[in-house]
C-alpha atoms as a PDB file:
ATOM      1  CA  MET A   1      -1.487 -31.173  32.697  1.00  0.00           C
ATOM      2  CA  ALA A   2      -4.667 -30.371  35.074  1.00  0.00           C
ATOM      3  CA  PRO A   3      -7.866 -32.624  34.163  1.00  0.00           C
ATOM      4  CA  ALA A   4     -10.071 -30.911  32.013  1.00  0.00           C
ATOM      5  CA  ASP A   5     -13.410 -33.298  32.871  1.00  0.00           C
ATOM      6  CA  GLY A   6     -16.519 -31.148  33.397  1.00  0.00           C
ATOM      7  CA  PRO A   7     -19.899 -32.260  34.874  1.00  0.00           C
ATOM      8  CA  GLN A   8     -21.824 -35.240  33.378  1.00  0.00           C
ATOM      9  CA  GLY A   9     -19.008 -36.478  31.244  1.00  0.00           C
ATOM     10  CA  THR A  10     -18.226 -33.659  29.295  1.00  0.00           C
ATOM     11  CA  VAL A  11     -15.174 -31.653  28.628  1.00  0.00           C
ATOM     12  CA  ASN A  12     -14.440 -27.763  29.320  1.00  0.00           C
ATOM     13  CA  ILE A  13     -12.377 -26.730  26.332  1.00  0.00           C
ATOM     14  CA  GLY A  14     -11.599 -22.889  26.566  1.00  0.00           C
ATOM     15  CA  GLN A  15     -14.851 -21.213  27.162  1.00  0.00           C
ATOM     16  CA  ARG A  16     -16.991 -24.121  25.741  1.00  0.00           C
ATOM     17  CA  THR A  17     -18.329 -27.136  26.795  1.00  0.00           C
ATOM     18  CA  ALA A  18     -17.919 -29.804  24.238  1.00  0.00           C
ATOM     19  CA  PRO A  19     -19.348 -33.311  24.187  1.00  0.00           C
ATOM     20  CA  ALA A  20     -16.714 -35.933  25.562  1.00  0.00           C
ATOM     21  CA  ALA A  21     -16.551 -39.439  24.081  1.00  0.00           C
ATOM     22  CA  ALA A  22     -16.266 -40.044  20.538  1.00  0.00           C
ATOM     23  CA  ASP A  23     -17.971 -36.588  19.377  1.00  0.00           C
ATOM     24  CA  LEU A  24     -14.383 -35.245  19.206  1.00  0.00           C
ATOM     25  CA  PHE A  25     -11.647 -37.765  19.855  1.00  0.00           C
ATOM     26  CA  SER A  26     -11.688 -41.281  17.960  1.00  0.00           C
ATOM     27  CA  LYS A  27      -9.416 -44.418  18.678  1.00  0.00           C
ATOM     28  CA  VAL A  28      -6.470 -44.665  16.641  1.00  0.00           C
ATOM     29  CA  THR A  29      -5.599 -47.960  15.316  1.00  0.00           C
ATOM     30  CA  VAL A  30      -3.509 -47.634  12.342  1.00  0.00           C
ATOM     31  CA  GLY A  31      -0.492 -45.877  10.766  1.00  0.00           C
ATOM     32  CA  ARG A  32       2.027 -43.848  12.952  1.00  0.00           C
ATOM     33  CA  ILE A  33      -0.157 -43.657  16.094  1.00  0.00           C
ATOM     34  CA  SER A  34       1.415 -40.113  16.879  1.00  0.00           C
ATOM     35  CA  GLU A  35       0.887 -38.558  13.715  1.00  0.00           C
ATOM     36  CA  VAL A  36      -2.738 -39.749  13.173  1.00  0.00           C
ATOM     37  CA  ILE A  37      -3.447 -38.251  16.750  1.00  0.00           C
ATOM     38  CA  VAL A  38      -1.976 -34.856  15.509  1.00  0.00           C
ATOM     39  CA  GLU A  39      -3.989 -35.100  11.928  1.00  0.00           C
ATOM     40  CA  GLN A  40      -7.111 -35.680  14.041  1.00  0.00           C
ATOM     41  CA  ILE A  41      -6.383 -32.649  15.883  1.00  0.00           C
ATOM     42  CA  ARG A  42      -5.518 -30.709  12.818  1.00  0.00           C
ATOM     43  CA  MET A  43      -9.030 -31.466  11.168  1.00  0.00           C
ATOM     44  CA  LEU A  44     -10.634 -30.535  14.510  1.00  0.00           C
ATOM     45  CA  MET A  45      -9.001 -26.917  13.972  1.00  0.00           C
ATOM     46  CA  ARG A  46      -9.978 -26.693  10.423  1.00  0.00           C
ATOM     47  CA  GLN A  47     -13.506 -27.596  11.177  1.00  0.00           C
ATOM     48  CA  GLY A  48     -13.679 -24.645  13.892  1.00  0.00           C
ATOM     49  CA  GLN A  49     -14.638 -27.189  16.725  1.00  0.00           C
ATOM     50  CA  LEU A  50     -11.053 -26.664  18.075  1.00  0.00           C
ATOM     51  CA  LYS A  51      -9.861 -22.971  18.147  1.00  0.00           C
ATOM     52  CA  PRO A  52      -7.021 -20.769  19.521  1.00  0.00           C
ATOM     53  CA  GLY A  53      -7.003 -20.527  23.185  1.00  0.00           C
ATOM     54  CA  ASP A  54      -8.853 -23.845  23.706  1.00  0.00           C
ATOM     55  CA  ARG A  55      -7.210 -26.185  26.570  1.00  0.00           C
ATOM     56  CA  LEU A  56      -7.014 -29.770  25.547  1.00  0.00           C
ATOM     57  CA  PRO A  57      -7.927 -32.683  27.815  1.00  0.00           C
ATOM     58  CA  ALA A  58      -5.512 -33.615  30.240  1.00  0.00           C
ATOM     59  CA  GLU A  59      -2.927 -36.532  29.008  1.00  0.00           C
ATOM     60  CA  ARG A  60      -4.555 -39.309  30.845  1.00  0.00           C
ATOM     61  CA  ASP A  61      -7.959 -38.251  29.158  1.00  0.00           C
ATOM     62  CA  LEU A  62      -6.560 -38.386  25.611  1.00  0.00           C
ATOM     63  CA  CYS A  63      -4.907 -41.384  26.301  1.00  0.00           C
ATOM     64  CA  GLU A  64      -8.258 -42.998  27.064  1.00  0.00           C
ATOM     65  CA  ARG A  65     -10.397 -41.141  24.147  1.00  0.00           C
ATOM     66  CA  PHE A  66      -7.591 -42.115  21.495  1.00  0.00           C
ATOM     67  CA  GLY A  67      -6.814 -45.710  22.802  1.00  0.00           C
ATOM     68  CA  VAL A  68      -2.992 -45.039  23.072  1.00  0.00           C
ATOM     69  CA  SER A  69      -0.324 -44.746  25.793  1.00  0.00           C
ATOM     70  CA  ARG A  70       0.789 -41.713  27.379  1.00  0.00           C
ATOM     71  CA  VAL A  71       4.154 -41.622  25.745  1.00  0.00           C
ATOM     72  CA  THR A  72       2.164 -41.430  22.603  1.00  0.00           C
ATOM     73  CA  VAL A  73       0.129 -38.485  23.601  1.00  0.00           C
ATOM     74  CA  ARG A  74       3.008 -36.648  24.494  1.00  0.00           C
ATOM     75  CA  GLU A  75       4.807 -37.518  21.324  1.00  0.00           C
ATOM     76  CA  ALA A  76       1.716 -36.134  19.463  1.00  0.00           C
ATOM     77  CA  LEU A  77       1.645 -33.015  21.718  1.00  0.00           C
ATOM     78  CA  ARG A  78       5.463 -32.382  20.949  1.00  0.00           C
ATOM     79  CA  MET A  79       4.874 -32.284  17.338  1.00  0.00           C
ATOM     80  CA  LEU A  80       1.964 -30.079  17.556  1.00  0.00           C
ATOM     81  CA  GLU A  81       4.027 -27.910  19.664  1.00  0.00           C
ATOM     82  CA  SER A  82       6.793 -27.666  17.181  1.00  0.00           C
ATOM     83  CA  SER A  83       4.405 -26.832  14.507  1.00  0.00           C
ATOM     84  CA  GLY A  84       3.322 -23.841  16.207  1.00  0.00           C
ATOM     85  CA  LEU A  85      -0.418 -25.189  16.663  1.00  0.00           C
ATOM     86  CA  VAL A  86      -0.468 -26.112  20.634  1.00  0.00           C
ATOM     87  CA  GLU A  87       1.413 -24.297  23.611  1.00  0.00           C
ATOM     88  CA  ILE A  88       2.386 -26.091  26.635  1.00  0.00           C
ATOM     89  CA  ARG A  89       2.149 -24.235  29.854  1.00  0.00           C
ATOM     90  CA  VAL A  90       3.005 -25.463  33.280  1.00  0.00           C
ATOM     91  CA  GLY A  91       1.516 -24.741  36.747  1.00  0.00           C
ATOM     92  CA  ALA A  92      -1.755 -25.235  38.258  1.00  0.00           C
ATOM     93  CA  ARG A  93      -3.451 -23.665  35.062  1.00  0.00           C
ATOM     94  CA  GLY A  94      -1.117 -25.456  32.964  1.00  0.00           C
ATOM     95  CA  GLY A  95      -2.079 -27.765  30.162  1.00  0.00           C
ATOM     96  CA  ALA A  96      -2.005 -28.073  26.034  1.00  0.00           C
ATOM     97  CA  PHE A  97      -3.542 -24.815  24.747  1.00  0.00           C
ATOM     98  CA  MET A  98      -4.476 -24.749  20.811  1.00  0.00           C
ATOM     99  CA  THR A  99      -2.551 -21.406  19.436  1.00  0.00           C
ATOM    100  CA  ALA A 100      -2.904 -19.881  15.894  1.00  0.00           C
ATOM    101  CA  PRO A 101       0.181 -20.753  13.400  1.00  0.00           C
ATOM    102  CA  SER A 102       2.592 -18.213  12.994  1.00  0.00           C
ATOM    103  CA  SER A 103       3.517 -16.790   9.454  1.00  0.00           C
ATOM    104  CA  ASP A 104       7.168 -17.055  10.997  1.00  0.00           C
ATOM    105  CA  ARG A 105       7.245 -21.039  11.057  1.00  0.00           C
ATOM    106  CA  VAL A 106       5.866 -20.953   6.989  1.00  0.00           C
ATOM    107  CA  GLY A 107       8.590 -18.235   6.194  1.00  0.00           C
ATOM    108  CA  GLU A 108      11.237 -20.764   7.879  1.00  0.00           C
ATOM    109  CA  GLY A 109      10.349 -23.378   5.771  1.00  0.00           C
ATOM    110  CA  LEU A 110      10.417 -21.581   2.710  1.00  0.00           C
ATOM    111  CA  ALA A 111      13.690 -19.953   3.742  1.00  0.00           C
ATOM    112  CA  ASP A 112      14.999 -23.444   3.924  1.00  0.00           C
ATOM    113  CA  LEU A 113      13.410 -24.621   0.607  1.00  0.00           C
ATOM    114  CA  LEU A 114      15.080 -21.490  -1.081  1.00  0.00           C
ATOM    115  CA  SER A 115      18.836 -22.398   0.952  1.00  0.00           C
ATOM    116  CA  LEU A 116      18.337 -26.270  -0.483  1.00  0.00           C
ATOM    117  CA  SER A 117      17.771 -24.675  -4.168  1.00  0.00           C
ATOM    118  CA  VAL A 118      14.218 -26.551  -4.236  1.00  0.00           C
ATOM    119  CA  VAL A 119      13.128 -22.921  -4.858  1.00  0.00           C
ATOM    120  CA  SER A 120      15.166 -20.423  -6.708  1.00  0.00           C
ATOM    121  CA  ALA A 121      15.602 -16.810  -6.187  1.00  0.00           C
ATOM    122  CA  ALA A 122      14.212 -16.538  -9.553  1.00  0.00           C
ATOM    123  CA  ASP A 123      11.144 -18.100  -8.249  1.00  0.00           C
ATOM    124  CA  VAL A 124      10.602 -15.711  -5.182  1.00  0.00           C
ATOM    125  CA  THR A 125      11.009 -12.685  -7.586  1.00  0.00           C
ATOM    126  CA  GLU A 126       8.545 -13.719 -10.095  1.00  0.00           C
ATOM    127  CA  VAL A 127       6.125 -14.308  -7.296  1.00  0.00           C
ATOM    128  CA  ARG A 128       6.955 -10.945  -5.841  1.00  0.00           C
ATOM    129  CA  LEU A 129       6.101  -9.252  -9.313  1.00  0.00           C
ATOM    130  CA  ILE A 130       2.501 -10.884  -9.255  1.00  0.00           C
ATOM    131  CA  PHE A 131       1.957 -10.191  -5.331  1.00  0.00           C
ATOM    132  CA  GLU A 132       3.785  -6.703  -4.856  1.00  0.00           C
ATOM    133  CA  VAL A 133       2.602  -5.079  -8.013  1.00  0.00           C
ATOM    134  CA  GLY A 134      -0.895  -6.343  -7.579  1.00  0.00           C
ATOM    135  CA  ILE A 135      -1.477  -4.471  -4.176  1.00  0.00           C
ATOM    136  CA  VAL A 136       0.044  -1.254  -5.196  1.00  0.00           C
ATOM    137  CA  PRO A 137      -3.604  -0.013  -6.027  1.00  0.00           C
ATOM    138  CA  LEU A 138      -4.758  -0.867  -2.610  1.00  0.00           C
ATOM    139  CA  VAL A 139      -1.813   0.450  -0.875  1.00  0.00           C
ATOM    140  CA  CYS A 140      -2.614   3.889  -2.674  1.00  0.00           C
ATOM    141  CA  GLU A 141      -6.165   3.847  -1.835  1.00  0.00           C
ATOM    142  CA  ARG A 142      -5.510   2.742   1.944  1.00  0.00           C
ATOM    143  CA  ALA A 143      -2.095   3.686   3.133  1.00  0.00           C
ATOM    144  CA  THR A 144      -2.556   5.998   6.443  1.00  0.00           C
ATOM    145  CA  GLU A 145      -0.367   9.003   7.293  1.00  0.00           C
ATOM    146  CA  GLU A 146       1.175   6.596   9.613  1.00  0.00           C
ATOM    147  CA  ASP A 147       1.837   4.006   7.106  1.00  0.00           C
ATOM    148  CA  LEU A 148       3.503   6.535   4.883  1.00  0.00           C
ATOM    149  CA  ALA A 149       5.681   8.092   7.834  1.00  0.00           C
ATOM    150  CA  GLU A 150       6.928   4.674   8.475  1.00  0.00           C
ATOM    151  CA  LEU A 151       7.898   3.886   5.124  1.00  0.00           C
ATOM    152  CA  GLU A 152       9.742   7.416   4.870  1.00  0.00           C
ATOM    153  CA  GLU A 153      11.654   6.362   8.135  1.00  0.00           C
ATOM    154  CA  ILE A 154      12.902   3.137   6.786  1.00  0.00           C
ATOM    155  CA  CYS A 155      14.016   5.102   3.833  1.00  0.00           C
ATOM    156  CA  GLU A 156      15.990   7.720   5.735  1.00  0.00           C
ATOM    157  CA  ARG A 157      17.288   4.792   7.854  1.00  0.00           C
ATOM    158  CA  SER A 158      18.345   2.981   4.711  1.00  0.00           C
ATOM    159  CA  ARG A 159      20.017   6.369   3.132  1.00  0.00           C
ATOM    160  CA  ALA A 160      22.048   6.818   6.617  1.00  0.00           C
ATOM    161  CA  ALA A 161      22.958   3.058   6.277  1.00  0.00           C
ATOM    162  CA  LEU A 162      24.412   3.799   2.716  1.00  0.00           C
ATOM    163  CA  ARG A 163      26.127   7.021   3.876  1.00  0.00           C
ATOM    164  CA  SER A 164      27.766   4.924   6.718  1.00  0.00           C
ATOM    165  CA  GLY A 165      28.516   1.521   4.726  1.00  0.00           C
ATOM    166  CA  GLY A 166      26.196  -0.351   7.029  1.00  0.00           C
ATOM    167  CA  TYR A 167      23.570  -0.769   4.729  1.00  0.00           C
ATOM    168  CA  THR A 168      22.079  -4.474   4.483  1.00  0.00           C
ATOM    169  CA  MET A 169      19.287  -6.023   2.379  1.00  0.00           C
ATOM    170  CA  ALA A 170      17.550  -6.628   5.754  1.00  0.00           C
ATOM    171  CA  LEU A 171      16.473  -2.840   5.240  1.00  0.00           C
ATOM    172  CA  SER A 172      14.960  -3.440   1.774  1.00  0.00           C
ATOM    173  CA  ALA A 173      13.033  -6.408   2.953  1.00  0.00           C
ATOM    174  CA  GLU A 174      11.608  -4.492   5.778  1.00  0.00           C
ATOM    175  CA  PHE A 175      10.416  -1.523   3.235  1.00  0.00           C
ATOM    176  CA  HIS A 176       8.447  -4.069   1.162  1.00  0.00           C
ATOM    177  CA  ALA A 177       7.144  -5.943   4.212  1.00  0.00           C
ATOM    178  CA  ARG A 178       5.834  -2.433   5.345  1.00  0.00           C
ATOM    179  CA  VAL A 179       4.251  -1.739   1.841  1.00  0.00           C
ATOM    180  CA  ALA A 180       2.280  -4.902   2.176  1.00  0.00           C
ATOM    181  CA  GLN A 181       1.109  -3.876   5.423  1.00  0.00           C
ATOM    182  CA  SER A 182      -0.389  -0.452   4.088  1.00  0.00           C
ATOM    183  CA  ALA A 183      -2.745  -2.476   2.035  1.00  0.00           C
ATOM    184  CA  HIS A 184      -4.486  -3.204   5.246  1.00  0.00           C
ATOM    185  CA  ASN A 185      -5.464  -6.665   4.160  1.00  0.00           C
ATOM    186  CA  ALA A 186      -5.032  -9.285   6.824  1.00  0.00           C
ATOM    187  CA  ALA A 187      -4.466 -11.931   4.214  1.00  0.00           C
ATOM    188  CA  ALA A 188      -1.789 -10.017   2.504  1.00  0.00           C
ATOM    189  CA  THR A 189       0.250  -9.060   5.504  1.00  0.00           C
ATOM    190  CA  MET A 190       0.254 -12.784   6.303  1.00  0.00           C
ATOM    191  CA  LEU A 191       1.501 -13.811   3.214  1.00  0.00           C
ATOM    192  CA  VAL A 192       4.509 -11.315   3.108  1.00  0.00           C
ATOM    193  CA  GLU A 193       5.290 -12.110   6.749  1.00  0.00           C
ATOM    194  CA  SER A 194       5.574 -15.680   5.962  1.00  0.00           C
ATOM    195  CA  PHE A 195       7.700 -14.720   2.614  1.00  0.00           C
ATOM    196  CA  ARG A 196      10.289 -12.491   4.527  1.00  0.00           C
ATOM    197  CA  GLY A 197      13.047 -15.155   4.936  1.00  0.00           C
ATOM    198  CA  PRO A 198      12.944 -16.067   1.067  1.00  0.00           C
ATOM    199  CA  LEU A 199      12.410 -12.388  -0.085  1.00  0.00           C
ATOM    200  CA  LEU A 200      15.812 -11.765   1.906  1.00  0.00           C
ATOM    201  CA  MET A 201      17.487 -14.550   0.625  1.00  0.00           C
ATOM    202  CA  SER A 202      16.764 -13.509  -2.751  1.00  0.00           C
ATOM    203  CA  LEU A 203      17.565  -9.949  -2.184  1.00  0.00           C
ATOM    204  CA  GLU A 204      21.164 -11.020  -0.875  1.00  0.00           C
ATOM    205  CA  ARG A 205      21.553 -13.240  -4.231  1.00  0.00           C
ATOM    206  CA  ALA A 206      20.627 -10.094  -6.415  1.00  0.00           C
ATOM    207  CA  ARG A 207      23.068  -8.034  -4.532  1.00  0.00           C
ATOM    208  CA  GLN A 208      25.964 -10.320  -5.361  1.00  0.00           C
ATOM    209  CA  ALA A 209      25.202  -9.816  -9.301  1.00  0.00           C
ATOM    210  CA  ALA A 210      24.588  -6.165  -8.488  1.00  0.00           C
ATOM    211  CA  PRO A 211      26.397  -4.725  -5.395  1.00  0.00           C
ATOM    212  CA  GLU A 212      25.207  -1.119  -6.100  1.00  0.00           C
ATOM    213  CA  MET A 213      21.486  -2.311  -6.072  1.00  0.00           C
ATOM    214  CA  GLY A 214      21.176  -1.131  -2.575  1.00  0.00           C
ATOM    215  CA  ARG A 215      21.715   2.603  -3.446  1.00  0.00           C
ATOM    216  CA  VAL A 216      19.431   2.455  -6.736  1.00  0.00           C
ATOM    217  CA  GLY A 217      16.607   0.629  -4.595  1.00  0.00           C
ATOM    218  CA  THR A 218      16.429   3.038  -1.763  1.00  0.00           C
ATOM    219  CA  THR A 219      16.076   5.730  -4.413  1.00  0.00           C
ATOM    220  CA  GLU A 220      13.018   4.007  -5.841  1.00  0.00           C
ATOM    221  CA  HIS A 221      11.771   3.282  -2.338  1.00  0.00           C
ATOM    222  CA  GLN A 222      11.555   7.157  -1.789  1.00  0.00           C
ATOM    223  CA  ARG A 223      10.033   7.699  -5.462  1.00  0.00           C
ATOM    224  CA  PHE A 224       7.335   5.174  -4.536  1.00  0.00           C
ATOM    225  CA  VAL A 225       6.374   6.514  -1.338  1.00  0.00           C
ATOM    226  CA  ARG A 226       5.859   9.930  -2.989  1.00  0.00           C
ATOM    227  CA  ALA A 227       3.727   8.679  -5.617  1.00  0.00           C
ATOM    228  CA  VAL A 228       1.822   6.743  -2.850  1.00  0.00           C
ATOM    229  CA  ARG A 229       1.289  10.152  -0.745  1.00  0.00           C
ATOM    230  CA  SER A 230       0.312  11.603  -4.000  1.00  0.00           C
ATOM    231  CA  ARG A 231      -2.183   8.544  -4.549  1.00  0.00           C
ATOM    232  CA  ASP A 232      -0.942   7.999  -8.133  1.00  0.00           C
ATOM    233  CA  ALA A 233      -1.449   4.649  -8.402  1.00  0.00           C
ATOM    234  CA  ALA A 234      -0.471   4.305 -12.021  1.00  0.00           C
ATOM    235  CA  ALA A 235       3.074   5.827 -11.092  1.00  0.00           C
ATOM    236  CA  ALA A 236       3.327   3.883  -7.889  1.00  0.00           C
ATOM    237  CA  THR A 237       2.805   0.769 -10.054  1.00  0.00           C
ATOM    238  CA  GLN A 238       5.292   1.692 -12.680  1.00  0.00           C
ATOM    239  CA  ILE A 239       7.867   2.113 -10.208  1.00  0.00           C
ATOM    240  CA  MET A 240       7.177  -0.935  -8.038  1.00  0.00           C
ATOM    241  CA  ARG A 241       7.174  -3.156 -11.612  1.00  0.00           C
ATOM    242  CA  GLU A 242      10.350  -1.385 -12.665  1.00  0.00           C
ATOM    243  CA  HIS A 243      11.789  -1.906  -9.445  1.00  0.00           C
ATOM    244  CA  LEU A 244      11.206  -5.759  -9.033  1.00  0.00           C
ATOM    245  CA  GLU A 245      11.703  -6.546 -12.882  1.00  0.00           C
ATOM    246  CA  ARG A 246      15.580  -5.091 -12.224  1.00  0.00           C
ATOM    247  CA  THR A 247      15.689  -7.860  -9.334  1.00  0.00           C
ATOM    248  CA  ALA A 248      14.062 -10.549 -11.350  1.00  0.00           C
ATOM    249  CA  HIS A 249      16.872  -9.948 -14.331  1.00  0.00           C
ATOM    250  CA  ARG A 250      19.752  -9.799 -11.715  1.00  0.00           C
ATOM    251  CA  VAL A 251      18.676 -13.312 -10.306  1.00  0.00           C
ATOM    252  CA  GLY A 252      18.399 -14.825 -13.988  1.00  0.00           C
ATOM    253  CA  ARG A 253      14.842 -14.523 -14.894  1.00  0.00           C
END
């Protein structure tokens, strides 16, 4: 990685110039060293001193500031990269750059928990009842014509898939994710995107108990979109609640 030293003992990180020395980084002397380095950098991100797009100092500089070997720094950077917190770029303008964590990685972890039975399909559906029913009033208030058109398009693709025998629960998961996006709340979108893997796995388990659920669910999706288009929050909430309660029953709760 290219050196990141600035004039007069400062470190250029992204577009900002931050103090060098111990203001940002401190020597590591205990624990598994690479993990302690990772935790220091995570803490700097939480405090806002490191932000997505910021470039970390060069490996040599990090070695000096942390008081460790280059092998240890590289291990820490690999851990940060695998967590989605750092992107390693090569070339003259390369280096280690901070990135925003992706909700996909959270979803992968949740899907692993579900597949290992730490989290059950019933648990997932119970959370969906709380979350998806709760955001329906926002969806009815904020959904745009584009949102409604895309939801109707997913319903049409679902009907076509049912006719051809190619329906999969991924279409249902896509519909519910698009409903959450229609609330136009960044936190809601992030949560549902991170939850998509577990959502799909719970739907697959529900379908094992009731193979016809794709046909029934698609009909309810259509009814839900019509209620949202009419801005009828009470009707849309009732449809979503009944829709999810039936799924909850099928997965055992």
